[in-house]
Amino acid sequence: MNNEVFAAIAMALHDDQGYNMHDGESGRLTITQKDTEWASKQAKMTKVQ
């Protein structure tokens, strides 16, 4: 193995130990629906019959 593989393994172990924590996260996902132009019914392509 080359040094890049060893470095990647070392960084993964370092992160797994929790040393690379930026923010304290609650672990809870909140999903809310937002109305955007992408979800607009008028913008959706429909089959013309």
C-alpha atoms as a PDB file:
ATOM      1  CA  MET A   1       0.000   0.000   0.000  1.00  0.00           C
ATOM      2  CA  ASN A   2       1.181   3.505  -0.653  1.00  0.00           C
ATOM      3  CA  ASN A   3       1.209   6.483   1.700  1.00  0.00           C
ATOM      4  CA  GLU A   4      -2.076   7.858   0.322  1.00  0.00           C
ATOM      5  CA  VAL A   5      -3.930   4.729   1.442  1.00  0.00           C
ATOM      6  CA  PHE A   6      -2.395   4.956   4.909  1.00  0.00           C
ATOM      7  CA  ALA A   7      -3.318   8.649   5.100  1.00  0.00           C
ATOM      8  CA  ALA A   8      -6.927   7.913   4.073  1.00  0.00           C
ATOM      9  CA  ILE A   9      -7.222   5.175   6.712  1.00  0.00           C
ATOM     10  CA  ALA A  10      -5.704   7.435   9.371  1.00  0.00           C
ATOM     11  CA  MET A  11      -8.118  10.287   8.515  1.00  0.00           C
ATOM     12  CA  ALA A  12     -11.106   7.920   8.573  1.00  0.00           C
ATOM     13  CA  LEU A  13     -10.099   6.609  12.001  1.00  0.00           C
ATOM     14  CA  HIS A  14      -9.522  10.177  13.216  1.00  0.00           C
ATOM     15  CA  ASP A  15     -12.993  11.221  12.057  1.00  0.00           C
ATOM     16  CA  ASP A  16     -14.556   8.070  13.526  1.00  0.00           C
ATOM     17  CA  GLN A  17     -13.075   8.919  16.918  1.00  0.00           C
ATOM     18  CA  GLY A  18     -15.029  12.201  16.814  1.00  0.00           C
ATOM     19  CA  TYR A  19     -12.055  14.530  16.497  1.00  0.00           C
ATOM     20  CA  ASN A  20     -13.426  16.237  13.396  1.00  0.00           C
ATOM     21  CA  MET A  21     -16.771  17.356  14.838  1.00  0.00           C
ATOM     22  CA  HIS A  22     -17.699  20.818  13.579  1.00  0.00           C
ATOM     23  CA  ASP A  23     -21.092  21.288  15.163  1.00  0.00           C
ATOM     24  CA  GLY A  24     -23.046  19.433  17.775  1.00  0.00           C
ATOM     25  CA  GLU A  25     -25.945  17.802  15.961  1.00  0.00           C
ATOM     26  CA  SER A  26     -29.169  16.597  17.547  1.00  0.00           C
ATOM     27  CA  GLY A  27     -29.430  13.591  15.225  1.00  0.00           C
ATOM     28  CA  ARG A  28     -33.021  14.523  14.351  1.00  0.00           C
ATOM     29  CA  LEU A  29     -34.073  15.062  10.756  1.00  0.00           C
ATOM     30  CA  THR A  30     -36.788  17.588  10.061  1.00  0.00           C
ATOM     31  CA  ILE A  31     -38.380  17.406   6.643  1.00  0.00           C
ATOM     32  CA  THR A  32     -40.769  20.121   5.613  1.00  0.00           C
ATOM     33  CA  GLN A  33     -42.362  20.657   2.241  1.00  0.00           C
ATOM     34  CA  LYS A  34     -41.474  23.888   0.487  1.00  0.00           C
ATOM     35  CA  ASP A  35     -43.358  25.283  -2.470  1.00  0.00           C
ATOM     36  CA  THR A  36     -40.876  26.086  -5.210  1.00  0.00           C
ATOM     37  CA  GLU A  37     -41.014  26.660  -8.932  1.00  0.00           C
ATOM     38  CA  TRP A  38     -39.622  23.140  -9.398  1.00  0.00           C
ATOM     39  CA  ALA A  39     -42.709  21.661  -7.733  1.00  0.00           C
ATOM     40  CA  SER A  40     -45.157  23.912  -9.575  1.00  0.00           C
ATOM     41  CA  LYS A  41     -47.986  22.036 -11.276  1.00  0.00           C
ATOM     42  CA  GLN A  42     -47.850  24.468 -14.201  1.00  0.00           C
ATOM     43  CA  ALA A  43     -44.150  23.737 -14.779  1.00  0.00           C
ATOM     44  CA  LYS A  44     -44.532  19.960 -14.945  1.00  0.00           C
ATOM     45  CA  MET A  45     -44.330  18.349 -18.346  1.00  0.00           C
ATOM     46  CA  THR A  46     -47.380  16.328 -19.278  1.00  0.00           C
ATOM     47  CA  LYS A  47     -48.123  14.003 -22.145  1.00  0.00           C
ATOM     48  CA  VAL A  48     -50.081  15.742 -24.883  1.00  0.00           C
ATOM     49  CA  GLN A  49     -52.890  13.589 -26.250  1.00  0.00           C
END
